PDB file of all heavy atoms in Angstrom:
ATOM      1  N   MET A   1     110.598-189.449 210.482  1.00  0.00           N
ATOM      2  CA  MET A   1     110.048-188.563 211.501  1.00  0.00           C
ATOM      3  C   MET A   1     108.921-189.261 212.259  1.00  0.00           C
ATOM      4  O   MET A   1     108.176-190.035 211.682  1.00  0.00           O
ATOM      5  CB  MET A   1     109.500-187.287 210.848  1.00  0.00           C
ATOM      6  CG  MET A   1     110.530-186.455 210.111  1.00  0.00           C
ATOM      7  SD  MET A   1     111.570-185.549 211.271  1.00  0.00           S
ATOM      8  CE  MET A   1     112.738-184.796 210.125  1.00  0.00           C
ATOM      9  N   PRO A   2     108.731-188.963 213.562  1.00  0.00           N
ATOM     10  CA  PRO A   2     109.619-188.144 214.388  1.00  0.00           C
ATOM     11  C   PRO A   2     110.917-188.880 214.714  1.00  0.00           C
ATOM     12  O   PRO A   2     110.972-190.109 214.637  1.00  0.00           O
ATOM     13  CB  PRO A   2     108.787-187.911 215.653  1.00  0.00           C
ATOM     14  CG  PRO A   2     107.908-189.111 215.755  1.00  0.00           C
ATOM     15  CD  PRO A   2     107.575-189.482 214.334  1.00  0.00           C
ATOM     16  N   PHE A   3     111.953-188.112 215.077  1.00  0.00           N
ATOM     17  CA  PHE A   3     113.219-188.704 215.442  1.00  0.00           C
ATOM     18  C   PHE A   3     113.073-189.479 216.745  1.00  0.00           C
ATOM     19  O   PHE A   3     112.632-188.929 217.756  1.00  0.00           O
ATOM     20  CB  PHE A   3     114.292-187.632 215.645  1.00  0.00           C
ATOM     21  CG  PHE A   3     114.679-186.883 214.394  1.00  0.00           C
ATOM     22  CD1 PHE A   3     115.092-185.567 214.475  1.00  0.00           C
ATOM     23  CD2 PHE A   3     114.648-187.500 213.162  1.00  0.00           C
ATOM     24  CE1 PHE A   3     115.467-184.866 213.335  1.00  0.00           C
ATOM     25  CE2 PHE A   3     115.022-186.811 212.012  1.00  0.00           C
ATOM     26  CZ  PHE A   3     115.432-185.484 212.102  1.00  0.00           C
ATOM     27  N   SER A   4     113.468-190.728 216.731  1.00  0.00           N
ATOM     28  CA  SER A   4     113.454-191.543 217.947  1.00  0.00           C
ATOM     29  C   SER A   4     114.878-191.741 218.441  1.00  0.00           C
ATOM     30  O   SER A   4     115.809-191.871 217.638  1.00  0.00           O
ATOM     31  CB  SER A   4     112.821-192.907 217.650  1.00  0.00           C
ATOM     32  OG  SER A   4     113.044-193.806 218.733  1.00  0.00           O
ATOM     33  N   ALA A   5     115.043-191.773 219.748  1.00  0.00           N
ATOM     34  CA  ALA A   5     116.371-191.997 220.319  1.00  0.00           C
ATOM     35  C   ALA A   5     116.897-193.378 219.973  1.00  0.00           C
ATOM     36  O   ALA A   5     118.083-193.664 220.163  1.00  0.00           O
ATOM     37  CB  ALA A   5     116.339-191.803 221.828  1.00  0.00           C
ATOM     38  N   SER A   6     116.036-194.233 219.446  1.00  0.00           N
ATOM     39  CA  SER A   6     116.465-195.560 219.009  1.00  0.00           C
ATOM     40  C   SER A   6     116.840-195.604 217.534  1.00  0.00           C
ATOM     41  O   SER A   6     117.216-196.659 217.013  1.00  0.00           O
ATOM     42  CB  SER A   6     115.361-196.587 219.288  1.00  0.00           C
ATOM     43  OG  SER A   6     115.211-196.781 220.676  1.00  0.00           O
ATOM     44  N   ASP A   7     116.735-194.462 216.840  1.00  0.00           N
ATOM     45  CA  ASP A   7     117.107-194.400 215.428  1.00  0.00           C
ATOM     46  C   ASP A   7     118.623-194.425 215.259  1.00  0.00           C
ATOM     47  O   ASP A   7     119.379-194.041 216.162  1.00  0.00           O
ATOM     48  CB  ASP A   7     116.574-193.119 214.780  1.00  0.00           C
ATOM     49  CG  ASP A   7     115.080-193.138 214.573  1.00  0.00           C
ATOM     50  OD1 ASP A   7     114.494-194.234 214.616  1.00  0.00           O
ATOM     51  OD2 ASP A   7     114.500-192.056 214.373  1.00  0.00           O
ATOM     52  N   ASN A   8     119.063-194.822 214.087  1.00  0.00           N
ATOM     53  CA  ASN A   8     120.472-194.743 213.729  1.00  0.00           C
ATOM     54  C   ASN A   8     120.883-193.281 213.557  1.00  0.00           C
ATOM     55  O   ASN A   8     120.163-192.495 212.947  1.00  0.00           O
ATOM     56  CB  ASN A   8     120.701-195.511 212.420  1.00  0.00           C
ATOM     57  CG  ASN A   8     122.145-195.484 211.965  1.00  0.00           C
ATOM     58  OD1 ASN A   8     122.638-194.471 211.485  1.00  0.00           O
ATOM     59  ND2 ASN A   8     122.831-196.610 212.111  1.00  0.00           N
ATOM     60  N   VAL A   9     122.038-192.929 214.122  1.00  0.00           N
ATOM     61  CA  VAL A   9     122.527-191.539 213.995  1.00  0.00           C
ATOM     62  C   VAL A   9     123.976-191.544 213.508  1.00  0.00           C
ATOM     63  O   VAL A   9     124.830-190.829 214.041  1.00  0.00           O
ATOM     64  CB  VAL A   9     122.384-190.750 215.324  1.00  0.00           C
ATOM     65  CG1 VAL A   9     120.931-190.471 215.627  1.00  0.00           C
ATOM     66  CG2 VAL A   9     123.029-191.509 216.492  1.00  0.00           C
ATOM     67  N   ASP A  10     124.235-192.323 212.496  1.00  0.00           N
ATOM     68  CA  ASP A  10     125.600-192.469 211.981  1.00  0.00           C
ATOM     69  C   ASP A  10     125.921-191.550 210.805  1.00  0.00           C
ATOM     70  O   ASP A  10     126.970-191.707 210.172  1.00  0.00           O
ATOM     71  CB  ASP A  10     125.849-193.918 211.552  1.00  0.00           C
ATOM     72  CG  ASP A  10     125.952-194.857 212.741  1.00  0.00           C
ATOM     73  OD1 ASP A  10     126.259-194.365 213.849  1.00  0.00           O
ATOM     74  OD2 ASP A  10     125.726-196.067 212.576  1.00  0.00           O
ATOM     75  N   HIS A  11     125.030-190.591 210.507  1.00  0.00           N
ATOM     76  CA  HIS A  11     125.267-189.735 209.347  1.00  0.00           C
ATOM     77  C   HIS A  11     125.090-188.249 209.683  1.00  0.00           C
ATOM     78  O   HIS A  11     124.240-187.570 209.117  1.00  0.00           O
ATOM     79  CB  HIS A  11     124.340-190.150 208.196  1.00  0.00           C
ATOM     80  CG  HIS A  11     124.530-191.572 207.767  1.00  0.00           C
ATOM     81  ND1 HIS A  11     123.838-192.617 208.323  1.00  0.00           N
ATOM     82  CD2 HIS A  11     125.381-192.113 206.856  1.00  0.00           C
ATOM     83  CE1 HIS A  11     124.233-193.752 207.760  1.00  0.00           C
ATOM     84  NE2 HIS A  11     125.167-193.472 206.874  1.00  0.00           N
ATOM     85  N   PRO A  12     125.909-187.731 210.611  1.00  0.00           N
ATOM     86  CA  PRO A  12     125.846-186.295 210.929  1.00  0.00           C
ATOM     87  C   PRO A  12     126.332-185.463 209.752  1.00  0.00           C
ATOM     88  O   PRO A  12     127.111-185.949 208.921  1.00  0.00           O
ATOM     89  CB  PRO A  12     126.782-186.155 212.135  1.00  0.00           C
ATOM     90  CG  PRO A  12     127.761-187.286 211.976  1.00  0.00           C
ATOM     91  CD  PRO A  12     126.977-188.418 211.374  1.00  0.00           C
ATOM     92  N   ILE A  13     125.884-184.199 209.680  1.00  0.00           N
ATOM     93  CA  ILE A  13     126.298-183.348 208.554  1.00  0.00           C
ATOM     94  C   ILE A  13     126.945-182.042 209.012  1.00  0.00           C
ATOM     95  O   ILE A  13     127.021-181.079 208.261  1.00  0.00           O
ATOM     96  CB  ILE A  13     125.121-183.067 207.594  1.00  0.00           C
ATOM     97  CG1 ILE A  13     123.944-182.409 208.330  1.00  0.00           C
ATOM     98  CG2 ILE A  13     124.673-184.345 206.908  1.00  0.00           C
ATOM     99  CD1 ILE A  13     122.838-181.961 207.379  1.00  0.00           C
ATOM    100  N   SER A  14     127.404-182.004 210.249  1.00  0.00           N
ATOM    101  CA  SER A  14     128.214-180.881 210.734  1.00  0.00           C
ATOM    102  C   SER A  14     129.183-181.416 211.774  1.00  0.00           C
ATOM    103  O   SER A  14     128.913-182.447 212.412  1.00  0.00           O
ATOM    104  CB  SER A  14     127.342-179.776 211.348  1.00  0.00           C
ATOM    105  OG  SER A  14     126.797-180.198 212.597  1.00  0.00           O
ATOM    106  N   LEU A  15     130.296-180.721 211.951  1.00  0.00           N
ATOM    107  CA  LEU A  15     131.257-181.153 212.959  1.00  0.00           C
ATOM    108  C   LEU A  15     130.652-181.024 214.353  1.00  0.00           C
ATOM    109  O   LEU A  15     130.952-181.830 215.245  1.00  0.00           O
ATOM    110  CB  LEU A  15     132.543-180.332 212.867  1.00  0.00           C
ATOM    111  CG  LEU A  15     133.655-180.793 213.816  1.00  0.00           C
ATOM    112  CD1 LEU A  15     134.104-182.210 213.473  1.00  0.00           C
ATOM    113  CD2 LEU A  15     134.838-179.840 213.771  1.00  0.00           C
ATOM    114  N   TYR A  16     129.801-180.031 214.550  1.00  0.00           N
ATOM    115  CA  TYR A  16     129.114-179.898 215.840  1.00  0.00           C
ATOM    116  C   TYR A  16     128.329-181.173 216.138  1.00  0.00           C
ATOM    117  O   TYR A  16     128.430-181.751 217.228  1.00  0.00           O
ATOM    118  CB  TYR A  16     128.176-178.691 215.821  1.00  0.00           C
ATOM    119  CG  TYR A  16     127.257-178.629 217.016  1.00  0.00           C
ATOM    120  CD1 TYR A  16     127.762-178.370 218.289  1.00  0.00           C
ATOM    121  CD2 TYR A  16     125.886-178.838 216.887  1.00  0.00           C
ATOM    122  CE1 TYR A  16     126.923-178.335 219.391  1.00  0.00           C
ATOM    123  CE2 TYR A  16     125.042-178.789 217.979  1.00  0.00           C
ATOM    124  CZ  TYR A  16     125.564-178.536 219.233  1.00  0.00           C
ATOM    125  OH  TYR A  16     124.731-178.514 220.321  1.00  0.00           O
ATOM    126  N   ALA A  17     127.532-181.629 215.166  1.00  0.00           N
ATOM    127  CA  ALA A  17     126.747-182.850 215.355  1.00  0.00           C
ATOM    128  C   ALA A  17     127.662-184.050 215.598  1.00  0.00           C
ATOM    129  O   ALA A  17     127.386-184.896 216.458  1.00  0.00           O
ATOM    130  CB  ALA A  17     125.863-183.085 214.139  1.00  0.00           C
ATOM    131  N   ALA A  18     128.756-184.128 214.845  1.00  0.00           N
ATOM    132  CA  ALA A  18     129.689-185.241 215.010  1.00  0.00           C
ATOM    133  C   ALA A  18     130.303-185.241 216.405  1.00  0.00           C
ATOM    134  O   ALA A  18     130.508-186.299 217.009  1.00  0.00           O
ATOM    135  CB  ALA A  18     130.782-185.161 213.955  1.00  0.00           C
ATOM    136  N   SER A  19     130.584-184.052 216.945  1.00  0.00           N
ATOM    137  CA  SER A  19     131.166-183.972 218.289  1.00  0.00           C
ATOM    138  C   SER A  19     130.166-184.437 219.341  1.00  0.00           C
ATOM    139  O   SER A  19     130.547-185.045 220.347  1.00  0.00           O
ATOM    140  CB  SER A  19     131.646-182.549 218.587  1.00  0.00           C
ATOM    141  OG  SER A  19     130.566-181.650 218.811  1.00  0.00           O
ATOM    142  N   LYS A  20     128.886-184.170 219.120  1.00  0.00           N
ATOM    143  CA  LYS A  20     127.860-184.609 220.071  1.00  0.00           C
ATOM    144  C   LYS A  20     127.636-186.121 219.976  1.00  0.00           C
ATOM    145  O   LYS A  20     127.423-186.796 220.989  1.00  0.00           O
ATOM    146  CB  LYS A  20     126.555-183.853 219.817  1.00  0.00           C
ATOM    147  CG  LYS A  20     126.622-182.384 220.228  1.00  0.00           C
ATOM    148  CD  LYS A  20     126.921-182.254 221.696  1.00  0.00           C
ATOM    149  CE  LYS A  20     126.931-180.834 222.192  1.00  0.00           C
ATOM    150  NZ  LYS A  20     127.197-180.734 223.642  1.00  0.00           N
ATOM    151  N   LYS A  21     127.687-186.653 218.760  1.00  0.00           N
ATOM    152  CA  LYS A  21     127.632-188.104 218.587  1.00  0.00           C
ATOM    153  C   LYS A  21     128.830-188.741 219.284  1.00  0.00           C
ATOM    154  O   LYS A  21     128.716-189.793 219.939  1.00  0.00           O
ATOM    155  CB  LYS A  21     127.623-188.440 217.094  1.00  0.00           C
ATOM    156  CG  LYS A  21     127.892-189.888 216.739  1.00  0.00           C
ATOM    157  CD  LYS A  21     126.783-190.820 217.173  1.00  0.00           C
ATOM    158  CE  LYS A  21     127.041-192.236 216.631  1.00  0.00           C
ATOM    159  NZ  LYS A  21     126.032-193.195 217.088  1.00  0.00           N
ATOM    160  N   ALA A  22     130.005-188.119 219.169  1.00  0.00           N
ATOM    161  CA  ALA A  22     131.202-188.637 219.827  1.00  0.00           C
ATOM    162  C   ALA A  22     131.015-188.662 221.343  1.00  0.00           C
ATOM    163  O   ALA A  22     131.464-189.602 222.018  1.00  0.00           O
ATOM    164  CB  ALA A  22     132.416-187.787 219.455  1.00  0.00           C
ATOM    165  N   ASN A  23     130.366-187.630 221.892  1.00  0.00           N
ATOM    166  CA  ASN A  23     130.094-187.614 223.333  1.00  0.00           C
ATOM    167  C   ASN A  23     129.272-188.824 223.752  1.00  0.00           C
ATOM    168  O   ASN A  23     129.532-189.455 224.787  1.00  0.00           O
ATOM    169  CB  ASN A  23     129.348-186.344 223.728  1.00  0.00           C
ATOM    170  CG  ASN A  23     130.192-185.094 223.691  1.00  0.00           C
ATOM    171  OD1 ASN A  23     129.671-183.982 223.797  1.00  0.00           O
ATOM    172  ND2 ASN A  23     131.503-185.224 223.532  1.00  0.00           N
ATOM    173  N   GLU A  24     128.260-189.152 222.949  1.00  0.00           N
ATOM    174  CA  GLU A  24     127.423-190.299 223.263  1.00  0.00           C
ATOM    175  C   GLU A  24     128.232-191.603 223.232  1.00  0.00           C
ATOM    176  O   GLU A  24     128.067-192.481 224.088  1.00  0.00           O
ATOM    177  CB  GLU A  24     126.250-190.385 222.282  1.00  0.00           C
ATOM    178  CG  GLU A  24     125.293-189.204 222.379  1.00  0.00           C
ATOM    179  CD  GLU A  24     124.145-189.284 221.386  1.00  0.00           C
ATOM    180  OE1 GLU A  24     124.061-190.278 220.638  1.00  0.00           O
ATOM    181  OE2 GLU A  24     123.323-188.345 221.369  1.00  0.00           O
ATOM    182  N   LEU A  25     129.115-191.725 222.249  1.00  0.00           N
ATOM    183  CA  LEU A  25     129.954-192.923 222.142  1.00  0.00           C
ATOM    184  C   LEU A  25     130.934-193.022 223.309  1.00  0.00           C
ATOM    185  O   LEU A  25     131.141-194.104 223.887  1.00  0.00           O
ATOM    186  CB  LEU A  25     130.715-192.908 220.818  1.00  0.00           C
ATOM    187  CG  LEU A  25     129.874-193.013 219.545  1.00  0.00           C
ATOM    188  CD1 LEU A  25     130.754-192.790 218.318  1.00  0.00           C
ATOM    189  CD2 LEU A  25     129.183-194.360 219.460  1.00  0.00           C
ATOM    190  N   MET A  26     131.554-191.896 223.661  1.00  0.00           N
ATOM    191  CA  MET A  26     132.495-191.900 224.779  1.00  0.00           C
ATOM    192  C   MET A  26     131.779-192.200 226.086  1.00  0.00           C
ATOM    193  O   MET A  26     132.293-192.935 226.936  1.00  0.00           O
ATOM    194  CB  MET A  26     133.233-190.564 224.848  1.00  0.00           C
ATOM    195  CG  MET A  26     134.219-190.349 223.721  1.00  0.00           C
ATOM    196  SD  MET A  26     135.238-188.869 223.908  1.00  0.00           S
ATOM    197  CE  MET A  26     134.062-187.596 223.500  1.00  0.00           C
ATOM    198  N   ALA A  27     130.572-191.635 226.250  1.00  0.00           N
ATOM    199  CA  ALA A  27     129.805-191.892 227.464  1.00  0.00           C
ATOM    200  C   ALA A  27     129.507-193.381 227.603  1.00  0.00           C
ATOM    201  O   ALA A  27     129.623-193.955 228.696  1.00  0.00           O
ATOM    202  CB  ALA A  27     128.504-191.088 227.444  1.00  0.00           C
ATOM    203  N   HIS A  28     129.147-194.027 226.493  1.00  0.00           N
ATOM    204  CA  HIS A  28     128.860-195.461 226.569  1.00  0.00           C
ATOM    205  C   HIS A  28     130.100-196.249 226.983  1.00  0.00           C
ATOM    206  O   HIS A  28     130.021-197.204 227.786  1.00  0.00           O
ATOM    207  CB  HIS A  28     128.336-196.003 225.238  1.00  0.00           C
ATOM    208  CG  HIS A  28     127.962-197.458 225.325  1.00  0.00           C
ATOM    209  ND1 HIS A  28     128.844-198.472 225.009  1.00  0.00           N
ATOM    210  CD2 HIS A  28     126.816-198.056 225.746  1.00  0.00           C
ATOM    211  CE1 HIS A  28     128.248-199.643 225.212  1.00  0.00           C
ATOM    212  NE2 HIS A  28     127.015-199.416 225.648  1.00  0.00           N
TER     213      HIS A  28
END
């Protein structure tokens, strides 16, 4: 903490979170 946008986000714990991580990957 605090969460930085430069932190690793490879461990989501809900499908909602995983879908948002997927959006970031697709956008890139």
